[in-house]
Amino acid sequence: MNPQIIGSLILVVPAVLIAWAALWRRNRMVFWFALVLILVAAGYLNATGAARDVGLRFGGAPAASPVPAR
């Protein structure tokens, strides 16, 4: 699997679960706001390459790419 997708899932899924557990029954509008903030933060981390770094760190090395012929 792509390291960027793995990194995104590692960062987003726990944050959404914590927000759901803490906010769903109390105030759903605050939960939806927290969800949007989590998605914006995940987009930023994907744009800067940090999600890929997390995916490489915890998801293993990517498959070796072939060396281009000269």
PDB file of N, CA and C in Angstrom:
ATOM      1  N   MET A   1       0.841  -1.172   0.000  1.00  0.00           N
ATOM      2  CA  MET A   1       0.000   0.000   0.000  1.00  0.00           C
ATOM      3  C   MET A   1       0.894   1.246   0.000  1.00  0.00           C
ATOM      4  N   ASN A   2       0.396   2.304  -0.516  1.00  0.00           N
ATOM      5  CA  ASN A   2       1.120   3.562  -0.615  1.00  0.00           C
ATOM      6  C   ASN A   2       1.450   4.103   0.785  1.00  0.00           C
ATOM      7  N   PRO A   3       2.710   4.511   1.046  1.00  0.00           N
ATOM      8  CA  PRO A   3       3.061   5.024   2.377  1.00  0.00           C
ATOM      9  C   PRO A   3       2.276   6.283   2.759  1.00  0.00           C
ATOM     10  N   GLN A   4       1.889   7.074   1.772  1.00  0.00           N
ATOM     11  CA  GLN A   4       1.135   8.284   2.094  1.00  0.00           C
ATOM     12  C   GLN A   4      -0.260   7.931   2.602  1.00  0.00           C
ATOM     13  N   ILE A   5      -0.870   6.926   2.028  1.00  0.00           N
ATOM     14  CA  ILE A   5      -2.195   6.494   2.485  1.00  0.00           C
ATOM     15  C   ILE A   5      -2.085   5.884   3.878  1.00  0.00           C
ATOM     16  N   ILE A   6      -1.056   5.070   4.100  1.00  0.00           N
ATOM     17  CA  ILE A   6      -0.854   4.469   5.419  1.00  0.00           C
ATOM     18  C   ILE A   6      -0.652   5.555   6.468  1.00  0.00           C
ATOM     19  N   GLY A   7       0.174   6.535   6.166  1.00  0.00           N
ATOM     20  CA  GLY A   7       0.414   7.635   7.101  1.00  0.00           C
ATOM     21  C   GLY A   7      -0.846   8.430   7.379  1.00  0.00           C
ATOM     22  N   SER A   8      -1.642   8.677   6.352  1.00  0.00           N
ATOM     23  CA  SER A   8      -2.889   9.406   6.547  1.00  0.00           C
ATOM     24  C   SER A   8      -3.839   8.635   7.454  1.00  0.00           C
ATOM     25  N   LEU A   9      -3.942   7.338   7.229  1.00  0.00           N
ATOM     26  CA  LEU A   9      -4.827   6.520   8.065  1.00  0.00           C
ATOM     27  C   LEU A   9      -4.335   6.459   9.503  1.00  0.00           C
ATOM     28  N   ILE A  10      -3.022   6.354   9.688  1.00  0.00           N
ATOM     29  CA  ILE A  10      -2.466   6.319  11.039  1.00  0.00           C
ATOM     30  C   ILE A  10      -2.763   7.615  11.784  1.00  0.00           C
ATOM     31  N   LEU A  11      -2.765   8.727  11.089  1.00  0.00           N
ATOM     32  CA  LEU A  11      -2.995  10.018  11.733  1.00  0.00           C
ATOM     33  C   LEU A  11      -4.477  10.349  11.904  1.00  0.00           C
ATOM     34  N   VAL A  12      -5.308   9.980  10.939  1.00  0.00           N
ATOM     35  CA  VAL A  12      -6.699  10.430  10.933  1.00  0.00           C
ATOM     36  C   VAL A  12      -7.618   9.518  11.748  1.00  0.00           C
ATOM     37  N   VAL A  13      -7.480   8.215  11.602  1.00  0.00           N
ATOM     38  CA  VAL A  13      -8.427   7.299  12.241  1.00  0.00           C
ATOM     39  C   VAL A  13      -8.451   7.456  13.764  1.00  0.00           C
ATOM     40  N   PRO A  14      -7.306   7.464  14.458  1.00  0.00           N
ATOM     41  CA  PRO A  14      -7.386   7.650  15.913  1.00  0.00           C
ATOM     42  C   PRO A  14      -7.971   9.007  16.316  1.00  0.00           C
ATOM     43  N   ALA A  15      -7.645  10.041  15.568  1.00  0.00           N
ATOM     44  CA  ALA A  15      -8.169  11.368  15.895  1.00  0.00           C
ATOM     45  C   ALA A  15      -9.682  11.413  15.748  1.00  0.00           C
ATOM     46  N   VAL A  16     -10.209  10.803  14.703  1.00  0.00           N
ATOM     47  CA  VAL A  16     -11.661  10.778  14.502  1.00  0.00           C
ATOM     48  C   VAL A  16     -12.334   9.945  15.588  1.00  0.00           C
ATOM     49  N   LEU A  17     -11.739   8.818  15.947  1.00  0.00           N
ATOM     50  CA  LEU A  17     -12.332   7.990  16.997  1.00  0.00           C
ATOM     51  C   LEU A  17     -12.350   8.704  18.345  1.00  0.00           C
ATOM     52  N   ILE A  18     -11.292   9.406  18.666  1.00  0.00           N
ATOM     53  CA  ILE A  18     -11.262  10.163  19.922  1.00  0.00           C
ATOM     54  C   ILE A  18     -12.283  11.285  19.901  1.00  0.00           C
ATOM     55  N   ALA A  19     -12.369  12.000  18.784  1.00  0.00           N
ATOM     56  CA  ALA A  19     -13.369  13.074  18.679  1.00  0.00           C
ATOM     57  C   ALA A  19     -14.777  12.517  18.777  1.00  0.00           C
ATOM     58  N   TRP A  20     -15.021  11.374  18.142  1.00  0.00           N
ATOM     59  CA  TRP A  20     -16.350  10.765  18.210  1.00  0.00           C
ATOM     60  C   TRP A  20     -16.689  10.356  19.638  1.00  0.00           C
ATOM     61  N   ALA A  21     -15.744   9.711  20.320  1.00  0.00           N
ATOM     62  CA  ALA A  21     -15.997   9.255  21.687  1.00  0.00           C
ATOM     63  C   ALA A  21     -16.219  10.425  22.640  1.00  0.00           C
ATOM     64  N   ALA A  22     -15.516  11.516  22.417  1.00  0.00           N
ATOM     65  CA  ALA A  22     -15.606  12.645  23.335  1.00  0.00           C
ATOM     66  C   ALA A  22     -16.774  13.582  23.030  1.00  0.00           C
ATOM     67  N   LEU A  23     -17.180  13.685  21.764  1.00  0.00           N
ATOM     68  CA  LEU A  23     -18.101  14.758  21.394  1.00  0.00           C
ATOM     69  C   LEU A  23     -19.445  14.310  20.826  1.00  0.00           C
ATOM     70  N   TRP A  24     -19.594  13.096  20.372  1.00  0.00           N
ATOM     71  CA  TRP A  24     -20.805  12.717  19.646  1.00  0.00           C
ATOM     72  C   TRP A  24     -22.060  12.870  20.496  1.00  0.00           C
ATOM     73  N   ARG A  25     -22.042  12.404  21.724  1.00  0.00           N
ATOM     74  CA  ARG A  25     -23.241  12.471  22.573  1.00  0.00           C
ATOM     75  C   ARG A  25     -23.445  13.839  23.199  1.00  0.00           C
ATOM     76  N   ARG A  26     -22.376  14.582  23.378  1.00  0.00           N
ATOM     77  CA  ARG A  26     -22.490  15.877  24.042  1.00  0.00           C
ATOM     78  C   ARG A  26     -22.963  16.973  23.093  1.00  0.00           C
ATOM     79  N   ASN A  27     -22.229  17.152  22.018  1.00  0.00           N
ATOM     80  CA  ASN A  27     -22.544  18.247  21.112  1.00  0.00           C
ATOM     81  C   ASN A  27     -22.105  17.849  19.706  1.00  0.00           C
ATOM     82  N   ARG A  28     -23.069  17.491  18.889  1.00  0.00           N
ATOM     83  CA  ARG A  28     -22.733  16.991  17.555  1.00  0.00           C
ATOM     84  C   ARG A  28     -22.166  18.060  16.639  1.00  0.00           C
ATOM     85  N   MET A  29     -22.584  19.286  16.802  1.00  0.00           N
ATOM     86  CA  MET A  29     -22.026  20.346  15.953  1.00  0.00           C
ATOM     87  C   MET A  29     -20.533  20.539  16.230  1.00  0.00           C
ATOM     88  N   VAL A  30     -20.132  20.423  17.477  1.00  0.00           N
ATOM     89  CA  VAL A  30     -18.715  20.529  17.812  1.00  0.00           C
ATOM     90  C   VAL A  30     -17.953  19.333  17.238  1.00  0.00           C
ATOM     91  N   PHE A  31     -18.580  18.143  17.238  1.00  0.00           N
ATOM     92  CA  PHE A  31     -17.951  16.982  16.616  1.00  0.00           C
ATOM     93  C   PHE A  31     -17.725  17.230  15.138  1.00  0.00           C
ATOM     94  N   TRP A  32     -18.723  17.744  14.435  1.00  0.00           N
ATOM     95  CA  TRP A  32     -18.562  17.990  13.000  1.00  0.00           C
ATOM     96  C   TRP A  32     -17.471  19.035  12.744  1.00  0.00           C
ATOM     97  N   PHE A  33     -17.395  20.039  13.609  1.00  0.00           N
ATOM     98  CA  PHE A  33     -16.336  21.040  13.483  1.00  0.00           C
ATOM     99  C   PHE A  33     -14.969  20.394  13.709  1.00  0.00           C
ATOM    100  N   ALA A  34     -14.857  19.536  14.723  1.00  0.00           N
ATOM    101  CA  ALA A  34     -13.597  18.839  14.984  1.00  0.00           C
ATOM    102  C   ALA A  34     -13.231  17.944  13.809  1.00  0.00           C
ATOM    103  N   LEU A  35     -14.221  17.299  13.201  1.00  0.00           N
ATOM    104  CA  LEU A  35     -13.963  16.446  12.047  1.00  0.00           C
ATOM    105  C   LEU A  35     -13.395  17.258  10.878  1.00  0.00           C
ATOM    106  N   VAL A  36     -13.957  18.421  10.644  1.00  0.00           N
ATOM    107  CA  VAL A  36     -13.443  19.289   9.571  1.00  0.00           C
ATOM    108  C   VAL A  36     -12.013  19.728   9.884  1.00  0.00           C
ATOM    109  N   LEU A  37     -11.737  20.063  11.141  1.00  0.00           N
ATOM    110  CA  LEU A  37     -10.380  20.456  11.510  1.00  0.00           C
ATOM    111  C   LEU A  37      -9.397  19.304  11.329  1.00  0.00           C
ATOM    112  N   ILE A  38      -9.819  18.093  11.657  1.00  0.00           N
ATOM    113  CA  ILE A  38      -8.963  16.923  11.466  1.00  0.00           C
ATOM    114  C   ILE A  38      -8.671  16.721   9.987  1.00  0.00           C
ATOM    115  N   LEU A  39      -9.676  16.873   9.139  1.00  0.00           N
ATOM    116  CA  LEU A  39      -9.470  16.692   7.702  1.00  0.00           C
ATOM    117  C   LEU A  39      -8.579  17.780   7.109  1.00  0.00           C
ATOM    118  N   VAL A  40      -8.720  18.998   7.578  1.00  0.00           N
ATOM    119  CA  VAL A  40      -7.843  20.081   7.111  1.00  0.00           C
ATOM    120  C   VAL A  40      -6.399  19.810   7.536  1.00  0.00           C
ATOM    121  N   ALA A  41      -6.214  19.366   8.771  1.00  0.00           N
ATOM    122  CA  ALA A  41      -4.871  19.045   9.248  1.00  0.00           C
ATOM    123  C   ALA A  41      -4.280  17.881   8.458  1.00  0.00           C
ATOM    124  N   ALA A  42      -5.089  16.887   8.141  1.00  0.00           N
ATOM    125  CA  ALA A  42      -4.601  15.752   7.349  1.00  0.00           C
ATOM    126  C   ALA A  42      -4.215  16.206   5.943  1.00  0.00           C
ATOM    127  N   GLY A  43      -4.980  17.114   5.366  1.00  0.00           N
ATOM    128  CA  GLY A  43      -4.629  17.656   4.058  1.00  0.00           C
ATOM    129  C   GLY A  43      -3.312  18.413   4.094  1.00  0.00           C
ATOM    130  N   TYR A  44      -3.110  19.168   5.148  1.00  0.00           N
ATOM    131  CA  TYR A  44      -1.846  19.892   5.298  1.00  0.00           C
ATOM    132  C   TYR A  44      -0.677  18.918   5.428  1.00  0.00           C
ATOM    133  N   LEU A  45      -0.849  17.879   6.244  1.00  0.00           N
ATOM    134  CA  LEU A  45       0.219  16.908   6.430  1.00  0.00           C
ATOM    135  C   LEU A  45       0.507  16.143   5.140  1.00  0.00           C
ATOM    136  N   ASN A  46      -0.514  15.892   4.334  1.00  0.00           N
ATOM    137  CA  ASN A  46      -0.296  15.253   3.041  1.00  0.00           C
ATOM    138  C   ASN A  46       0.424  16.194   2.083  1.00  0.00           C
ATOM    139  N   ALA A  47       0.067  17.454   2.104  1.00  0.00           N
ATOM    140  CA  ALA A  47       0.682  18.416   1.186  1.00  0.00           C
ATOM    141  C   ALA A  47       2.152  18.648   1.508  1.00  0.00           C
ATOM    142  N   THR A  48       2.523  18.589   2.778  1.00  0.00           N
ATOM    143  CA  THR A  48       3.909  18.832   3.162  1.00  0.00           C
ATOM    144  C   THR A  48       4.762  17.568   3.134  1.00  0.00           C
ATOM    145  N   GLY A  49       4.139  16.406   2.986  1.00  0.00           N
ATOM    146  CA  GLY A  49       4.886  15.157   2.931  1.00  0.00           C
ATOM    147  C   GLY A  49       5.066  14.490   4.282  1.00  0.00           C
ATOM    148  N   ALA A  50       4.513  15.064   5.333  1.00  0.00           N
ATOM    149  CA  ALA A  50       4.668  14.484   6.665  1.00  0.00           C
ATOM    150  C   ALA A  50       3.910  13.172   6.797  1.00  0.00           C
ATOM    151  N   ALA A  51       2.770  13.043   6.145  1.00  0.00           N
ATOM    152  CA  ALA A  51       2.010  11.797   6.205  1.00  0.00           C
ATOM    153  C   ALA A  51       2.799  10.661   5.565  1.00  0.00           C
ATOM    154  N   ARG A  52       3.527  10.959   4.496  1.00  0.00           N
ATOM    155  CA  ARG A  52       4.369   9.934   3.851  1.00  0.00           C
ATOM    156  C   ARG A  52       5.488   9.502   4.784  1.00  0.00           C
ATOM    157  N   ASP A  53       6.071  10.463   5.510  1.00  0.00           N
ATOM    158  CA  ASP A  53       7.120  10.126   6.466  1.00  0.00           C
ATOM    159  C   ASP A  53       6.588   9.216   7.569  1.00  0.00           C
ATOM    160  N   VAL A  54       5.397   9.501   8.051  1.00  0.00           N
ATOM    161  CA  VAL A  54       4.780   8.649   9.078  1.00  0.00           C
ATOM    162  C   VAL A  54       4.501   7.269   8.506  1.00  0.00           C
ATOM    163  N   GLY A  55       4.016   7.206   7.286  1.00  0.00           N
ATOM    164  CA  GLY A  55       3.752   5.927   6.653  1.00  0.00           C
ATOM    165  C   GLY A  55       5.007   5.114   6.446  1.00  0.00           C
ATOM    166  N   LEU A  56       6.099   5.771   6.095  1.00  0.00           N
ATOM    167  CA  LEU A  56       7.370   5.059   5.930  1.00  0.00           C
ATOM    168  C   LEU A  56       7.911   4.582   7.271  1.00  0.00           C
ATOM    169  N   ARG A  57       7.710   5.383   8.301  1.00  0.00           N
ATOM    170  CA  ARG A  57       8.231   5.027   9.624  1.00  0.00           C
ATOM    171  C   ARG A  57       7.491   3.838  10.226  1.00  0.00           C
ATOM    172  N   PHE A  58       6.162   3.845  10.131  1.00  0.00           N
ATOM    173  CA  PHE A  58       5.367   2.818  10.791  1.00  0.00           C
ATOM    174  C   PHE A  58       4.815   1.764   9.846  1.00  0.00           C
ATOM    175  N   GLY A  59       4.815   2.018   8.559  1.00  0.00           N
ATOM    176  CA  GLY A  59       4.245   1.071   7.616  1.00  0.00           C
ATOM    177  C   GLY A  59       5.271   0.301   6.831  1.00  0.00           C
ATOM    178  N   GLY A  60       6.527   0.542   7.053  1.00  0.00           N
ATOM    179  CA  GLY A  60       7.558  -0.165   6.318  1.00  0.00           C
ATOM    180  C   GLY A  60       8.044   0.630   5.123  1.00  0.00           C
ATOM    181  N   ALA A  61       9.108   0.140   4.537  1.00  0.00           N
ATOM    182  CA  ALA A  61       9.698   0.811   3.378  1.00  0.00           C
ATOM    183  C   ALA A  61       8.873   0.545   2.136  1.00  0.00           C
ATOM    184  N   PRO A  62       8.845   1.484   1.210  1.00  0.00           N
ATOM    185  CA  PRO A  62       8.109   1.243  -0.040  1.00  0.00           C
ATOM    186  C   PRO A  62       8.831   0.215  -0.892  1.00  0.00           C
ATOM    187  N   ALA A  63       8.120  -0.335  -1.846  1.00  0.00           N
ATOM    188  CA  ALA A  63       8.723  -1.305  -2.752  1.00  0.00           C
ATOM    189  C   ALA A  63       9.822  -0.623  -3.556  1.00  0.00           C
ATOM    190  N   ALA A  64      10.860  -1.376  -3.855  1.00  0.00           N
ATOM    191  CA  ALA A  64      11.991  -0.827  -4.596  1.00  0.00           C
ATOM    192  C   ALA A  64      11.544  -0.456  -6.001  1.00  0.00           C
ATOM    193  N   SER A  65      11.904   0.734  -6.421  1.00  0.00           N
ATOM    194  CA  SER A  65      11.559   1.169  -7.768  1.00  0.00           C
ATOM    195  C   SER A  65      12.666   0.737  -8.720  1.00  0.00           C
ATOM    196  N   PRO A  66      12.298   0.413  -9.952  1.00  0.00           N
ATOM    197  CA  PRO A  66      13.325  -0.019 -10.898  1.00  0.00           C
ATOM    198  C   PRO A  66      14.249   1.138 -11.280  1.00  0.00           C
ATOM    199  N   VAL A  67      15.490   0.810 -11.514  1.00  0.00           N
ATOM    200  CA  VAL A  67      16.483   1.802 -11.917  1.00  0.00           C
ATOM    201  C   VAL A  67      16.292   2.067 -13.407  1.00  0.00           C
ATOM    202  N   PRO A  68      16.191   3.333 -13.807  1.00  0.00           N
ATOM    203  CA  PRO A  68      16.008   3.621 -15.226  1.00  0.00           C
ATOM    204  C   PRO A  68      17.240   3.228 -16.037  1.00  0.00           C
ATOM    205  N   ALA A  69      17.010   2.723 -17.243  1.00  0.00           N
ATOM    206  CA  ALA A  69      18.101   2.316 -18.126  1.00  0.00           C
ATOM    207  C   ALA A  69      18.760   3.545 -18.723  1.00  0.00           C
ATOM    208  N   ARG A  70      20.068   3.436 -18.952  1.00  0.00           N
ATOM    209  CA  ARG A  70      20.778   4.555 -19.570  1.00  0.00           C
ATOM    210  C   ARG A  70      20.907   4.361 -21.041  1.00  0.00           C
TER     211      ARG A  70
END
